[in-house]
Amino acid sequence: MTKQATPTPEISLDTSGIGTYGGTVIATGTDREQLLSAETRHAVVKAAAARGLSRPGVNNVDVYPVDSNGVCDEDVLLGKRPAVGFRAEYSVAGGM
């Protein structure tokens, strides 16, 4: 897992999913709105560029709740097991 500088201490970024032409940056934190903020989006783009992606941009973002083990399954989604945070998967691609 490759950690990058983050917009706030409460958010961590994992850029290990970045390849030559694009990939996924995982942002984790406790505040869903913070994960979707412009500040986080900017940090994701900067992190992708730092991994060598040329002119990166965000294509899509999916946010979902996770339990204390970082797992999102039916029990967490239905509230049978408590969510302690959120994970945002930012799909990024390099520009031409």
PDB file of N, CA and C in Angstrom:
ATOM      1  N   MET A   1       0.844  -1.168   0.000  1.00  0.00           N
ATOM      2  CA  MET A   1       0.000   0.000   0.000  1.00  0.00           C
ATOM      3  C   MET A   1       0.893   1.236   0.000  1.00  0.00           C
ATOM      4  N   THR A   2       0.622   2.170  -0.884  1.00  0.00           N
ATOM      5  CA  THR A   2       1.396   3.392  -0.985  1.00  0.00           C
ATOM      6  C   THR A   2       0.593   4.531  -0.390  1.00  0.00           C
ATOM      7  N   LYS A   3       1.085   5.097   0.706  1.00  0.00           N
ATOM      8  CA  LYS A   3       0.401   6.207   1.360  1.00  0.00           C
ATOM      9  C   LYS A   3       0.911   7.518   0.789  1.00  0.00           C
ATOM     10  N   GLN A   4       0.035   8.488   0.654  1.00  0.00           N
ATOM     11  CA  GLN A   4       0.389   9.803   0.137  1.00  0.00           C
ATOM     12  C   GLN A   4      -0.050  10.876   1.132  1.00  0.00           C
ATOM     13  N   ALA A   5       0.452  12.100   0.939  1.00  0.00           N
ATOM     14  CA  ALA A   5      -0.005  13.232   1.732  1.00  0.00           C
ATOM     15  C   ALA A   5      -1.500  13.393   1.532  1.00  0.00           C
ATOM     16  N   THR A   6      -2.194  13.742   2.595  1.00  0.00           N
ATOM     17  CA  THR A   6      -3.648  13.814   2.532  1.00  0.00           C
ATOM     18  C   THR A   6      -4.143  15.205   2.896  1.00  0.00           C
ATOM     19  N   PRO A   7      -5.381  15.511   2.514  1.00  0.00           N
ATOM     20  CA  PRO A   7      -5.927  16.822   2.800  1.00  0.00           C
ATOM     21  C   PRO A   7      -6.110  17.073   4.299  1.00  0.00           C
ATOM     22  N   THR A   8      -6.404  16.043   5.073  1.00  0.00           N
ATOM     23  CA  THR A   8      -6.537  16.155   6.524  1.00  0.00           C
ATOM     24  C   THR A   8      -5.960  14.895   7.144  1.00  0.00           C
ATOM     25  N   PRO A   9      -5.600  14.950   8.412  1.00  0.00           N
ATOM     26  CA  PRO A   9      -5.052  13.752   9.064  1.00  0.00           C
ATOM     27  C   PRO A   9      -6.063  12.606   9.159  1.00  0.00           C
ATOM     28  N   GLU A  10      -7.351  12.923   9.061  1.00  0.00           N
ATOM     29  CA  GLU A  10      -8.387  11.902   9.183  1.00  0.00           C
ATOM     30  C   GLU A  10      -8.576  11.080   7.911  1.00  0.00           C
ATOM     31  N   ILE A  11      -7.935  11.475   6.822  1.00  0.00           N
ATOM     32  CA  ILE A  11      -8.093  10.780   5.544  1.00  0.00           C
ATOM     33  C   ILE A  11      -6.758  10.194   5.124  1.00  0.00           C
ATOM     34  N   SER A  12      -6.789   8.938   4.673  1.00  0.00           N
ATOM     35  CA  SER A  12      -5.570   8.341   4.130  1.00  0.00           C
ATOM     36  C   SER A  12      -5.825   7.951   2.679  1.00  0.00           C
ATOM     37  N   LEU A  13      -4.775   8.021   1.873  1.00  0.00           N
ATOM     38  CA  LEU A  13      -4.869   7.677   0.458  1.00  0.00           C
ATOM     39  C   LEU A  13      -3.971   6.493   0.156  1.00  0.00           C
ATOM     40  N   ASP A  14      -4.489   5.555  -0.624  1.00  0.00           N
ATOM     41  CA  ASP A  14      -3.725   4.399  -1.083  1.00  0.00           C
ATOM     42  C   ASP A  14      -3.664   4.479  -2.607  1.00  0.00           C
ATOM     43  N   THR A  15      -2.458   4.657  -3.133  1.00  0.00           N
ATOM     44  CA  THR A  15      -2.284   4.812  -4.580  1.00  0.00           C
ATOM     45  C   THR A  15      -1.720   3.563  -5.239  1.00  0.00           C
ATOM     46  N   SER A  16      -1.708   2.446  -4.530  1.00  0.00           N
ATOM     47  CA  SER A  16      -1.113   1.228  -5.093  1.00  0.00           C
ATOM     48  C   SER A  16      -1.898   0.696  -6.294  1.00  0.00           C
ATOM     49  N   GLY A  17      -3.120   1.176  -6.503  1.00  0.00           N
ATOM     50  CA  GLY A  17      -3.919   0.736  -7.641  1.00  0.00           C
ATOM     51  C   GLY A  17      -3.699   1.532  -8.909  1.00  0.00           C
ATOM     52  N   ILE A  18      -2.678   2.400  -8.931  1.00  0.00           N
ATOM     53  CA  ILE A  18      -2.389   3.221 -10.112  1.00  0.00           C
ATOM     54  C   ILE A  18      -1.417   2.486 -11.023  1.00  0.00           C
ATOM     55  N   GLY A  19      -1.794   2.392 -12.295  1.00  0.00           N
ATOM     56  CA  GLY A  19      -0.924   1.779 -13.296  1.00  0.00           C
ATOM     57  C   GLY A  19      -0.427   2.821 -14.277  1.00  0.00           C
ATOM     58  N   THR A  20      -0.007   2.383 -15.443  1.00  0.00           N
ATOM     59  CA  THR A  20       0.557   3.268 -16.456  1.00  0.00           C
ATOM     60  C   THR A  20      -0.456   4.277 -16.988  1.00  0.00           C
ATOM     61  N   TYR A  21      -1.687   3.849 -17.220  1.00  0.00           N
ATOM     62  CA  TYR A  21      -2.683   4.714 -17.853  1.00  0.00           C
ATOM     63  C   TYR A  21      -3.821   5.134 -16.933  1.00  0.00           C
ATOM     64  N   GLY A  22      -3.864   4.595 -15.732  1.00  0.00           N
ATOM     65  CA  GLY A  22      -4.929   4.936 -14.807  1.00  0.00           C
ATOM     66  C   GLY A  22      -5.043   3.901 -13.719  1.00  0.00           C
ATOM     67  N   GLY A  23      -6.137   3.974 -12.992  1.00  0.00           N
ATOM     68  CA  GLY A  23      -6.354   3.006 -11.924  1.00  0.00           C
ATOM     69  C   GLY A  23      -7.267   3.580 -10.858  1.00  0.00           C
ATOM     70  N   THR A  24      -7.048   3.119  -9.634  1.00  0.00           N
ATOM     71  CA  THR A  24      -7.903   3.501  -8.523  1.00  0.00           C
ATOM     72  C   THR A  24      -7.068   4.018  -7.362  1.00  0.00           C
ATOM     73  N   VAL A  25      -7.528   5.128  -6.793  1.00  0.00           N
ATOM     74  CA  VAL A  25      -6.964   5.646  -5.552  1.00  0.00           C
ATOM     75  C   VAL A  25      -8.031   5.455  -4.488  1.00  0.00           C
ATOM     76  N   ILE A  26      -7.657   4.817  -3.381  1.00  0.00           N
ATOM     77  CA  ILE A  26      -8.583   4.560  -2.286  1.00  0.00           C
ATOM     78  C   ILE A  26      -8.367   5.606  -1.202  1.00  0.00           C
ATOM     79  N   ALA A  27      -9.418   6.336  -0.862  1.00  0.00           N
ATOM     80  CA  ALA A  27      -9.384   7.288   0.244  1.00  0.00           C
ATOM     81  C   ALA A  27     -10.241   6.720   1.364  1.00  0.00           C
ATOM     82  N   THR A  28      -9.720   6.703   2.581  1.00  0.00           N
ATOM     83  CA  THR A  28     -10.484   6.208   3.721  1.00  0.00           C
ATOM     84  C   THR A  28     -10.534   7.279   4.798  1.00  0.00           C
ATOM     85  N   GLY A  29     -11.658   7.316   5.504  1.00  0.00           N
ATOM     86  CA  GLY A  29     -11.837   8.281   6.585  1.00  0.00           C
ATOM     87  C   GLY A  29     -13.146   8.048   7.291  1.00  0.00           C
ATOM     88  N   THR A  30     -13.449   8.905   8.252  1.00  0.00           N
ATOM     89  CA  THR A  30     -14.669   8.744   9.045  1.00  0.00           C
ATOM     90  C   THR A  30     -15.802   9.653   8.590  1.00  0.00           C
ATOM     91  N   ASP A  31     -15.503  10.636   7.748  1.00  0.00           N
ATOM     92  CA  ASP A  31     -16.511  11.605   7.312  1.00  0.00           C
ATOM     93  C   ASP A  31     -16.761  11.460   5.815  1.00  0.00           C
ATOM     94  N   ARG A  32     -17.953  11.003   5.456  1.00  0.00           N
ATOM     95  CA  ARG A  32     -18.305  10.783   4.045  1.00  0.00           C
ATOM     96  C   ARG A  32     -18.172  12.062   3.224  1.00  0.00           C
ATOM     97  N   GLU A  33     -18.661  13.180   3.762  1.00  0.00           N
ATOM     98  CA  GLU A  33     -18.614  14.447   3.028  1.00  0.00           C
ATOM     99  C   GLU A  33     -17.175  14.892   2.784  1.00  0.00           C
ATOM    100  N   GLN A  34     -16.304  14.663   3.755  1.00  0.00           N
ATOM    101  CA  GLN A  34     -14.886  15.024   3.581  1.00  0.00           C
ATOM    102  C   GLN A  34     -14.261  14.204   2.460  1.00  0.00           C
ATOM    103  N   LEU A  35     -14.640  12.917   2.376  1.00  0.00           N
ATOM    104  CA  LEU A  35     -14.106  12.060   1.314  1.00  0.00           C
ATOM    105  C   LEU A  35     -14.546  12.524  -0.072  1.00  0.00           C
ATOM    106  N   LEU A  36     -15.695  13.187  -0.148  1.00  0.00           N
ATOM    107  CA  LEU A  36     -16.217  13.665  -1.425  1.00  0.00           C
ATOM    108  C   LEU A  36     -15.873  15.127  -1.702  1.00  0.00           C
ATOM    109  N   SER A  37     -15.115  15.755  -0.819  1.00  0.00           N
ATOM    110  CA  SER A  37     -14.822  17.186  -0.955  1.00  0.00           C
ATOM    111  C   SER A  37     -13.867  17.468  -2.110  1.00  0.00           C
ATOM    112  N   ALA A  38     -13.881  18.716  -2.550  1.00  0.00           N
ATOM    113  CA  ALA A  38     -12.964  19.156  -3.602  1.00  0.00           C
ATOM    114  C   ALA A  38     -11.514  19.035  -3.124  1.00  0.00           C
ATOM    115  N   GLU A  39     -11.286  19.257  -1.846  1.00  0.00           N
ATOM    116  CA  GLU A  39      -9.938  19.149  -1.279  1.00  0.00           C
ATOM    117  C   GLU A  39      -9.405  17.714  -1.414  1.00  0.00           C
ATOM    118  N   THR A  40     -10.249  16.735  -1.125  1.00  0.00           N
ATOM    119  CA  THR A  40      -9.834  15.335  -1.256  1.00  0.00           C
ATOM    120  C   THR A  40      -9.631  14.977  -2.721  1.00  0.00           C
ATOM    121  N   ARG A  41     -10.530  15.420  -3.582  1.00  0.00           N
ATOM    122  CA  ARG A  41     -10.392  15.160  -5.027  1.00  0.00           C
ATOM    123  C   ARG A  41      -9.057  15.715  -5.541  1.00  0.00           C
ATOM    124  N   HIS A  42      -8.713  16.905  -5.101  1.00  0.00           N
ATOM    125  CA  HIS A  42      -7.443  17.518  -5.508  1.00  0.00           C
ATOM    126  C   HIS A  42      -6.263  16.687  -4.996  1.00  0.00           C
ATOM    127  N   ALA A  43      -6.350  16.215  -3.753  1.00  0.00           N
ATOM    128  CA  ALA A  43      -5.277  15.378  -3.187  1.00  0.00           C
ATOM    129  C   ALA A  43      -5.141  14.068  -3.962  1.00  0.00           C
ATOM    130  N   VAL A  44      -6.262  13.508  -4.404  1.00  0.00           N
ATOM    131  CA  VAL A  44      -6.245  12.273  -5.200  1.00  0.00           C
ATOM    132  C   VAL A  44      -5.531  12.511  -6.528  1.00  0.00           C
ATOM    133  N   VAL A  45      -5.842  13.610  -7.188  1.00  0.00           N
ATOM    134  CA  VAL A  45      -5.206  13.935  -8.471  1.00  0.00           C
ATOM    135  C   VAL A  45      -3.706  14.159  -8.276  1.00  0.00           C
ATOM    136  N   LYS A  46      -3.327  14.873  -7.225  1.00  0.00           N
ATOM    137  CA  LYS A  46      -1.908  15.101  -6.935  1.00  0.00           C
ATOM    138  C   LYS A  46      -1.193  13.787  -6.634  1.00  0.00           C
ATOM    139  N   ALA A  47      -1.844  12.904  -5.885  1.00  0.00           N
ATOM    140  CA  ALA A  47      -1.235  11.617  -5.546  1.00  0.00           C
ATOM    141  C   ALA A  47      -1.046  10.757  -6.793  1.00  0.00           C
ATOM    142  N   ALA A  48      -2.024  10.783  -7.697  1.00  0.00           N
ATOM    143  CA  ALA A  48      -1.912  10.023  -8.945  1.00  0.00           C
ATOM    144  C   ALA A  48      -0.756  10.574  -9.798  1.00  0.00           C
ATOM    145  N   ALA A  49      -0.603  11.883  -9.835  1.00  0.00           N
ATOM    146  CA  ALA A  49       0.494  12.494 -10.580  1.00  0.00           C
ATOM    147  C   ALA A  49       1.839  12.116  -9.955  1.00  0.00           C
ATOM    148  N   ALA A  50       1.884  12.065  -8.634  1.00  0.00           N
ATOM    149  CA  ALA A  50       3.116  11.686  -7.949  1.00  0.00           C
ATOM    150  C   ALA A  50       3.515  10.242  -8.250  1.00  0.00           C
ATOM    151  N   ARG A  51       2.537   9.403  -8.589  1.00  0.00           N
ATOM    152  CA  ARG A  51       2.811   8.017  -8.968  1.00  0.00           C
ATOM    153  C   ARG A  51       3.178   7.894 -10.444  1.00  0.00           C
ATOM    154  N   GLY A  52       3.237   9.020 -11.168  1.00  0.00           N
ATOM    155  CA  GLY A  52       3.686   9.014 -12.551  1.00  0.00           C
ATOM    156  C   GLY A  52       2.598   9.076 -13.595  1.00  0.00           C
ATOM    157  N   LEU A  53       1.356   9.230 -13.181  1.00  0.00           N
ATOM    158  CA  LEU A  53       0.257   9.325 -14.137  1.00  0.00           C
ATOM    159  C   LEU A  53       0.264  10.722 -14.760  1.00  0.00           C
ATOM    160  N   SER A  54       0.334  10.785 -16.077  1.00  0.00           N
ATOM    161  CA  SER A  54       0.402  12.055 -16.788  1.00  0.00           C
ATOM    162  C   SER A  54      -0.965  12.727 -16.850  1.00  0.00           C
ATOM    163  N   ARG A  55      -1.033  13.981 -16.414  1.00  0.00           N
ATOM    164  CA  ARG A  55      -2.262  14.787 -16.450  1.00  0.00           C
ATOM    165  C   ARG A  55      -3.467  14.005 -15.943  1.00  0.00           C
ATOM    166  N   PRO A  56      -3.437  13.511 -14.703  1.00  0.00           N
ATOM    167  CA  PRO A  56      -4.528  12.684 -14.197  1.00  0.00           C
ATOM    168  C   PRO A  56      -5.814  13.467 -13.972  1.00  0.00           C
ATOM    169  N   GLY A  57      -6.910  12.758 -14.114  1.00  0.00           N
ATOM    170  CA  GLY A  57      -8.225  13.311 -13.827  1.00  0.00           C
ATOM    171  C   GLY A  57      -9.096  12.232 -13.223  1.00  0.00           C
ATOM    172  N   VAL A  58     -10.102  12.647 -12.471  1.00  0.00           N
ATOM    173  CA  VAL A  58     -11.025  11.713 -11.828  1.00  0.00           C
ATOM    174  C   VAL A  58     -12.176  11.416 -12.779  1.00  0.00           C
ATOM    175  N   ASN A  59     -12.425  10.130 -13.007  1.00  0.00           N
ATOM    176  CA  ASN A  59     -13.553   9.711 -13.838  1.00  0.00           C
ATOM    177  C   ASN A  59     -14.810   9.457 -13.027  1.00  0.00           C
ATOM    178  N   ASN A  60     -14.638   8.864 -11.851  1.00  0.00           N
ATOM    179  CA  ASN A  60     -15.776   8.429 -11.059  1.00  0.00           C
ATOM    180  C   ASN A  60     -15.324   8.246  -9.623  1.00  0.00           C
ATOM    181  N   VAL A  61     -16.271   8.317  -8.690  1.00  0.00           N
ATOM    182  CA  VAL A  61     -15.977   8.007  -7.287  1.00  0.00           C
ATOM    183  C   VAL A  61     -17.161   7.253  -6.690  1.00  0.00           C
ATOM    184  N   ASP A  62     -16.862   6.173  -5.981  1.00  0.00           N
ATOM    185  CA  ASP A  62     -17.860   5.391  -5.256  1.00  0.00           C
ATOM    186  C   ASP A  62     -17.499   5.415  -3.779  1.00  0.00           C
ATOM    187  N   VAL A  63     -18.475   5.733  -2.927  1.00  0.00           N
ATOM    188  CA  VAL A  63     -18.247   5.782  -1.481  1.00  0.00           C
ATOM    189  C   VAL A  63     -19.156   4.775  -0.814  1.00  0.00           C
ATOM    190  N   TYR A  64     -18.593   4.034   0.145  1.00  0.00           N
ATOM    191  CA  TYR A  64     -19.381   3.054   0.870  1.00  0.00           C
ATOM    192  C   TYR A  64     -18.874   2.924   2.295  1.00  0.00           C
ATOM    193  N   PRO A  65     -19.760   2.512   3.222  1.00  0.00           N
ATOM    194  CA  PRO A  65     -19.362   2.364   4.623  1.00  0.00           C
ATOM    195  C   PRO A  65     -18.531   1.106   4.826  1.00  0.00           C
ATOM    196  N   VAL A  66     -17.662   1.145   5.842  1.00  0.00           N
ATOM    197  CA  VAL A  66     -16.834  -0.015   6.189  1.00  0.00           C
ATOM    198  C   VAL A  66     -16.881  -0.240   7.697  1.00  0.00           C
ATOM    199  N   ASP A  67     -16.648  -1.497   8.095  1.00  0.00           N
ATOM    200  CA  ASP A  67     -16.591  -1.823   9.515  1.00  0.00           C
ATOM    201  C   ASP A  67     -15.179  -1.606  10.049  1.00  0.00           C
ATOM    202  N   SER A  68     -14.930  -2.030  11.278  1.00  0.00           N
ATOM    203  CA  SER A  68     -13.624  -1.799  11.904  1.00  0.00           C
ATOM    204  C   SER A  68     -12.490  -2.543  11.211  1.00  0.00           C
ATOM    205  N   ASN A  69     -12.824  -3.540  10.387  1.00  0.00           N
ATOM    206  CA  ASN A  69     -11.819  -4.278   9.621  1.00  0.00           C
ATOM    207  C   ASN A  69     -11.676  -3.755   8.191  1.00  0.00           C
ATOM    208  N   GLY A  70     -12.391  -2.690   7.855  1.00  0.00           N
ATOM    209  CA  GLY A  70     -12.344  -2.144   6.506  1.00  0.00           C
ATOM    210  C   GLY A  70     -13.193  -2.904   5.512  1.00  0.00           C
ATOM    211  N   VAL A  71     -14.147  -3.685   6.020  1.00  0.00           N
ATOM    212  CA  VAL A  71     -14.991  -4.530   5.169  1.00  0.00           C
ATOM    213  C   VAL A  71     -16.354  -3.880   4.963  1.00  0.00           C
ATOM    214  N   CYS A  72     -16.827  -3.936   3.735  1.00  0.00           N
ATOM    215  CA  CYS A  72     -18.192  -3.512   3.420  1.00  0.00           C
ATOM    216  C   CYS A  72     -18.919  -4.729   2.863  1.00  0.00           C
ATOM    217  N   ASP A  73     -19.899  -5.185   3.594  1.00  0.00           N
ATOM    218  CA  ASP A  73     -20.705  -6.308   3.124  1.00  0.00           C
ATOM    219  C   ASP A  73     -22.171  -6.028   3.449  1.00  0.00           C
ATOM    220  N   GLU A  74     -23.016  -6.999   3.197  1.00  0.00           N
ATOM    221  CA  GLU A  74     -24.451  -6.820   3.388  1.00  0.00           C
ATOM    222  C   GLU A  74     -24.794  -6.451   4.828  1.00  0.00           C
ATOM    223  N   ASP A  75     -24.105  -7.039   5.805  1.00  0.00           N
ATOM    224  CA  ASP A  75     -24.383  -6.735   7.212  1.00  0.00           C
ATOM    225  C   ASP A  75     -24.101  -5.274   7.546  1.00  0.00           C
ATOM    226  N   VAL A  76     -23.031  -4.718   7.002  1.00  0.00           N
ATOM    227  CA  VAL A  76     -22.711  -3.309   7.235  1.00  0.00           C
ATOM    228  C   VAL A  76     -23.730  -2.423   6.522  1.00  0.00           C
ATOM    229  N   LEU A  77     -24.056  -2.766   5.292  1.00  0.00           N
ATOM    230  CA  LEU A  77     -25.010  -1.964   4.521  1.00  0.00           C
ATOM    231  C   LEU A  77     -26.401  -1.956   5.137  1.00  0.00           C
ATOM    232  N   LEU A  78     -26.791  -3.067   5.752  1.00  0.00           N
ATOM    233  CA  LEU A  78     -28.116  -3.166   6.367  1.00  0.00           C
ATOM    234  C   LEU A  78     -28.132  -2.726   7.827  1.00  0.00           C
ATOM    235  N   GLY A  79     -26.976  -2.332   8.374  1.00  0.00           N
ATOM    236  CA  GLY A  79     -26.909  -1.869   9.747  1.00  0.00           C
ATOM    237  C   GLY A  79     -26.852  -2.978  10.788  1.00  0.00           C
ATOM    238  N   LYS A  80     -26.665  -4.214  10.361  1.00  0.00           N
ATOM    239  CA  LYS A  80     -26.555  -5.330  11.308  1.00  0.00           C
ATOM    240  C   LYS A  80     -25.216  -5.309  12.031  1.00  0.00           C
ATOM    241  N   ARG A  81     -24.206  -4.744  11.391  1.00  0.00           N
ATOM    242  CA  ARG A  81     -22.889  -4.553  11.985  1.00  0.00           C
ATOM    243  C   ARG A  81     -22.545  -3.083  11.782  1.00  0.00           C
ATOM    244  N   PRO A  82     -22.018  -2.410  12.826  1.00  0.00           N
ATOM    245  CA  PRO A  82     -21.813  -0.960  12.714  1.00  0.00           C
ATOM    246  C   PRO A  82     -20.707  -0.570  11.737  1.00  0.00           C
ATOM    247  N   ALA A  83     -20.947   0.522  11.047  1.00  0.00           N
ATOM    248  CA  ALA A  83     -19.923   1.125  10.187  1.00  0.00           C
ATOM    249  C   ALA A  83     -19.127   2.099  11.045  1.00  0.00           C
ATOM    250  N   VAL A  84     -17.811   2.057  10.904  1.00  0.00           N
ATOM    251  CA  VAL A  84     -16.964   2.965  11.683  1.00  0.00           C
ATOM    252  C   VAL A  84     -16.293   4.005  10.791  1.00  0.00           C
ATOM    253  N   GLY A  85     -16.474   3.886   9.502  1.00  0.00           N
ATOM    254  CA  GLY A  85     -15.860   4.823   8.571  1.00  0.00           C
ATOM    255  C   GLY A  85     -16.360   4.597   7.164  1.00  0.00           C
ATOM    256  N   PHE A  86     -15.695   5.256   6.231  1.00  0.00           N
ATOM    257  CA  PHE A  86     -16.078   5.167   4.824  1.00  0.00           C
ATOM    258  C   PHE A  86     -14.846   4.982   3.958  1.00  0.00           C
ATOM    259  N   ARG A  87     -15.053   4.388   2.805  1.00  0.00           N
ATOM    260  CA  ARG A  87     -14.001   4.228   1.804  1.00  0.00           C
ATOM    261  C   ARG A  87     -14.526   4.817   0.502  1.00  0.00           C
ATOM    262  N   ALA A  88     -13.689   5.606  -0.143  1.00  0.00           N
ATOM    263  CA  ALA A  88     -14.032   6.182  -1.446  1.00  0.00           C
ATOM    264  C   ALA A  88     -13.044   5.636  -2.463  1.00  0.00           C
ATOM    265  N   GLU A  89     -13.562   5.051  -3.518  1.00  0.00           N
ATOM    266  CA  GLU A  89     -12.718   4.552  -4.605  1.00  0.00           C
ATOM    267  C   GLU A  89     -12.788   5.546  -5.757  1.00  0.00           C
ATOM    268  N   TYR A  90     -11.695   6.263  -5.951  1.00  0.00           N
ATOM    269  CA  TYR A  90     -11.596   7.244  -7.026  1.00  0.00           C
ATOM    270  C   TYR A  90     -10.986   6.574  -8.255  1.00  0.00           C
ATOM    271  N   SER A  91     -11.736   6.537  -9.349  1.00  0.00           N
ATOM    272  CA  SER A  91     -11.223   6.026 -10.618  1.00  0.00           C
ATOM    273  C   SER A  91     -10.523   7.185 -11.321  1.00  0.00           C
ATOM    274  N   VAL A  92      -9.227   6.993 -11.614  1.00  0.00           N
ATOM    275  CA  VAL A  92      -8.455   8.063 -12.246  1.00  0.00           C
ATOM    276  C   VAL A  92      -7.856   7.559 -13.557  1.00  0.00           C
ATOM    277  N   ALA A  93      -7.649   8.490 -14.485  1.00  0.00           N
ATOM    278  CA  ALA A  93      -7.035   8.150 -15.772  1.00  0.00           C
ATOM    279  C   ALA A  93      -6.122   9.296 -16.180  1.00  0.00           C
ATOM    280  N   GLY A  94      -5.107   8.946 -16.944  1.00  0.00           N
ATOM    281  CA  GLY A  94      -4.179   9.954 -17.462  1.00  0.00           C
ATOM    282  C   GLY A  94      -4.778  10.639 -18.685  1.00  0.00           C
ATOM    283  N   GLY A  95      -4.419  11.907 -18.859  1.00  0.00           N
ATOM    284  CA  GLY A  95      -4.896  12.668 -20.006  1.00  0.00           C
ATOM    285  C   GLY A  95      -3.998  12.480 -21.207  1.00  0.00           C
ATOM    286  N   MET A  96      -4.448  12.957 -22.343  1.00  0.00           N
ATOM    287  CA  MET A  96      -3.659  12.837 -23.564  1.00  0.00           C
ATOM    288  C   MET A  96      -2.818  14.049 -23.780  1.00  0.00           C
TER     289      MET A  96
END
